[in-house]
Amino acid sequence: MVLKTSTPVFSAYPQPMVHKWTAVIEHGYYSNIMMLADHTGTHIDAPAHFIANGTTIDELPLDGFICKGTAIDLLDLAPKADITAEIIKNRLKEKHIELGIGWIMIIYTGYDTKAGSSEWFNHPGLDESVAVSQ
C-alpha cells in the first residue's frame, strides 16, 4: 500500500501523517516527514508484535527475506473466510507447485482494493491449521 496521510489503518492506530518537507525545484532534493505506526500499510510482523520480549524486525536476519516463493490467488473466498492449510495445499496443487524449505508465499485476497472502505476489515484470514501445517 502507498504510505500517505489517507492510508487506512486499524482503528487502534493513529492516522499516518506524510508532510512534504523539501522539493527538488526549491531545495535541490525531495523529502518528506512521516509519522506512522509500524504496522501501517504493507509490512511484515515480527515476533515482537504478539510475543512479549519477542524479536523485533530489525533483529531478524535480512537473508531470511531473500528466498524463493510463489503467490496464490484467493479472490474467490467469502468475507471473513478462514484460509486453511487445506485451501492453500489445494491451490498450490492446482498450480503444480511444491513449496521448498524456506520458501515464502504471498496470499492475494483482493482486499487491498477495499482499503478505506467498510469492507476492508472483512478480509479472509489465516486459521490455526496454517500455522501448524508443514
Protein backbone atom coordinates (compact mmCIF):
# COMPACT_ATOMS: atom_id res chain seq x y z
CA MET A 1 0.00 0.00 0.00
CA VAL A 2 1.11 3.52 -0.69
CA LEU A 3 2.06 5.35 2.50
CA LYS A 4 0.20 8.66 2.60
CA THR A 5 -1.83 10.70 5.03
CA SER A 6 -5.02 8.96 3.91
CA THR A 7 -3.65 5.38 4.13
CA PRO A 8 -6.28 3.41 6.09
CA VAL A 9 -5.19 1.91 9.39
CA PHE A 10 -6.51 -0.38 12.11
CA SER A 11 -8.79 1.63 14.40
CA ALA A 12 -6.38 1.45 17.35
CA TYR A 13 -3.57 3.09 15.35
CA PRO A 14 -3.00 6.78 14.65
CA GLN A 15 -3.70 8.04 11.14
CA PRO A 16 -0.39 8.37 9.25
CA MET A 17 0.98 11.83 8.60
CA VAL A 18 3.07 12.47 5.50
CA HIS A 19 4.25 16.05 5.12
CA LYS A 20 6.26 17.30 2.15
CA TRP A 21 9.45 18.73 3.64
CA THR A 22 11.54 19.70 0.62
CA ALA A 23 11.12 19.93 -3.15
CA VAL A 24 13.74 19.45 -5.89
CA ILE A 25 12.95 22.80 -7.54
CA GLU A 26 13.17 24.73 -4.29
CA HIS A 27 15.81 22.82 -2.28
CA GLY A 28 17.64 20.62 -4.79
CA TYR A 29 16.22 17.39 -3.32
CA TYR A 30 12.87 15.84 -2.40
CA SER A 31 11.97 14.62 1.08
CA ASN A 32 9.04 14.04 3.42
CA ILE A 33 8.47 13.94 7.15
CA MET A 34 6.49 10.84 8.09
CA MET A 35 4.77 9.76 11.29
CA LEU A 36 3.05 6.39 11.38
CA ALA A 37 2.61 3.23 13.41
CA ASP A 38 4.99 0.47 12.35
CA HIS A 39 2.02 -1.67 11.31
CA THR A 40 0.76 0.80 8.72
CA GLY A 41 0.25 -0.37 5.15
CA THR A 42 2.13 -3.33 3.71
CA HIS A 43 4.53 -4.71 6.30
CA ILE A 44 5.93 -7.85 7.89
CA ASP A 45 5.08 -8.62 11.51
CA ALA A 46 7.99 -9.59 13.72
CA PRO A 47 7.53 -11.96 16.66
CA ALA A 48 7.53 -8.91 18.98
CA HIS A 49 4.15 -7.88 17.56
CA PHE A 50 2.44 -10.63 19.59
CA ILE A 51 5.14 -12.03 21.91
CA ALA A 52 6.43 -10.09 24.93
CA ASN A 53 10.17 -9.51 24.51
CA GLY A 54 9.99 -11.20 21.10
CA THR A 55 12.40 -10.48 18.27
CA THR A 56 11.87 -7.11 16.59
CA ILE A 57 12.01 -6.66 12.81
CA ASP A 58 15.47 -5.04 12.92
CA GLU A 59 16.81 -8.10 14.75
CA LEU A 60 15.68 -10.57 12.08
CA PRO A 61 18.40 -11.60 9.61
CA LEU A 62 17.92 -9.94 6.23
CA ASP A 63 18.78 -13.13 4.33
CA GLY A 64 15.56 -14.63 5.73
CA PHE A 65 13.64 -12.26 3.46
CA ILE A 66 15.51 -13.19 0.27
CA CYS A 67 14.30 -16.54 -0.98
CA LYS A 68 12.22 -18.43 -3.49
CA GLY A 69 8.49 -18.09 -3.31
CA THR A 70 5.14 -18.09 -5.01
CA ALA A 71 1.77 -16.39 -4.83
CA ILE A 72 -1.71 -17.84 -4.67
CA ASP A 73 -4.96 -16.17 -5.66
CA LEU A 74 -7.76 -16.40 -3.10
CA LEU A 75 -10.05 -13.79 -4.64
CA ASP A 76 -12.96 -16.24 -4.56
CA LEU A 77 -13.09 -16.56 -0.77
CA ALA A 78 -16.06 -15.11 1.11
CA PRO A 79 -15.63 -12.18 3.50
CA LYS A 80 -14.07 -13.23 6.82
CA ALA A 81 -13.46 -16.75 5.45
CA ASP A 82 -10.84 -18.91 7.12
CA ILE A 83 -7.79 -19.54 4.96
CA THR A 84 -6.99 -23.12 5.91
CA ALA A 85 -3.96 -25.30 5.24
CA GLU A 86 -6.22 -27.43 3.00
CA ILE A 87 -7.17 -24.43 0.83
CA ILE A 88 -3.53 -23.45 0.46
CA LYS A 89 -2.43 -27.02 -0.36
CA ASN A 90 -5.18 -27.34 -2.98
CA ARG A 91 -4.27 -24.03 -4.65
CA LEU A 92 -0.60 -24.99 -4.77
CA LYS A 93 -1.53 -28.40 -6.21
CA GLU A 94 -3.67 -26.68 -8.91
CA LYS A 95 -0.59 -24.62 -9.89
CA HIS A 96 1.68 -27.71 -9.75
CA ILE A 97 3.86 -26.01 -7.14
CA GLU A 98 5.59 -27.80 -4.31
CA LEU A 99 6.99 -25.41 -1.71
CA GLY A 100 10.58 -25.93 -0.69
CA ILE A 101 12.08 -25.35 2.74
CA GLY A 102 12.35 -21.64 3.43
CA TRP A 103 10.02 -20.56 0.61
CA ILE A 104 7.65 -17.66 1.10
CA MET A 105 4.10 -17.43 -0.14
CA ILE A 106 2.08 -14.34 -0.93
CA ILE A 107 -1.66 -14.78 -0.46
CA TYR A 108 -3.76 -12.44 -2.57
CA THR A 109 -7.32 -11.86 -1.35
CA GLY A 110 -8.04 -8.63 -3.27
CA TYR A 111 -8.83 -6.71 -0.12
CA ASP A 112 -6.18 -4.14 -0.99
CA THR A 113 -8.81 -2.69 -3.33
CA LYS A 114 -11.19 -2.27 -0.39
CA ALA A 115 -8.75 -0.25 1.75
CA GLY A 116 -10.55 2.62 3.41
CA SER A 117 -14.00 1.12 2.87
CA SER A 118 -16.27 -0.52 5.42
CA GLU A 119 -15.43 -3.91 3.81
CA TRP A 120 -11.68 -3.66 4.42
CA PHE A 121 -11.61 -5.50 7.77
CA ASN A 122 -13.85 -8.30 6.43
CA HIS A 123 -10.84 -9.85 4.71
CA PRO A 124 -10.25 -13.61 4.91
CA GLY A 125 -7.64 -14.61 7.49
CA LEU A 126 -5.30 -17.47 8.23
CA ASP A 127 -6.64 -20.09 10.62
CA GLU A 128 -4.65 -22.15 13.10
CA SER A 129 -4.16 -25.05 10.67
CA VAL A 130 -1.84 -22.90 8.54
CA ALA A 131 0.40 -22.08 11.48
CA VAL A 132 0.88 -25.73 12.43
CA SER A 133 0.91 -27.36 8.98
CA GLN A 134 4.03 -28.45 7.14
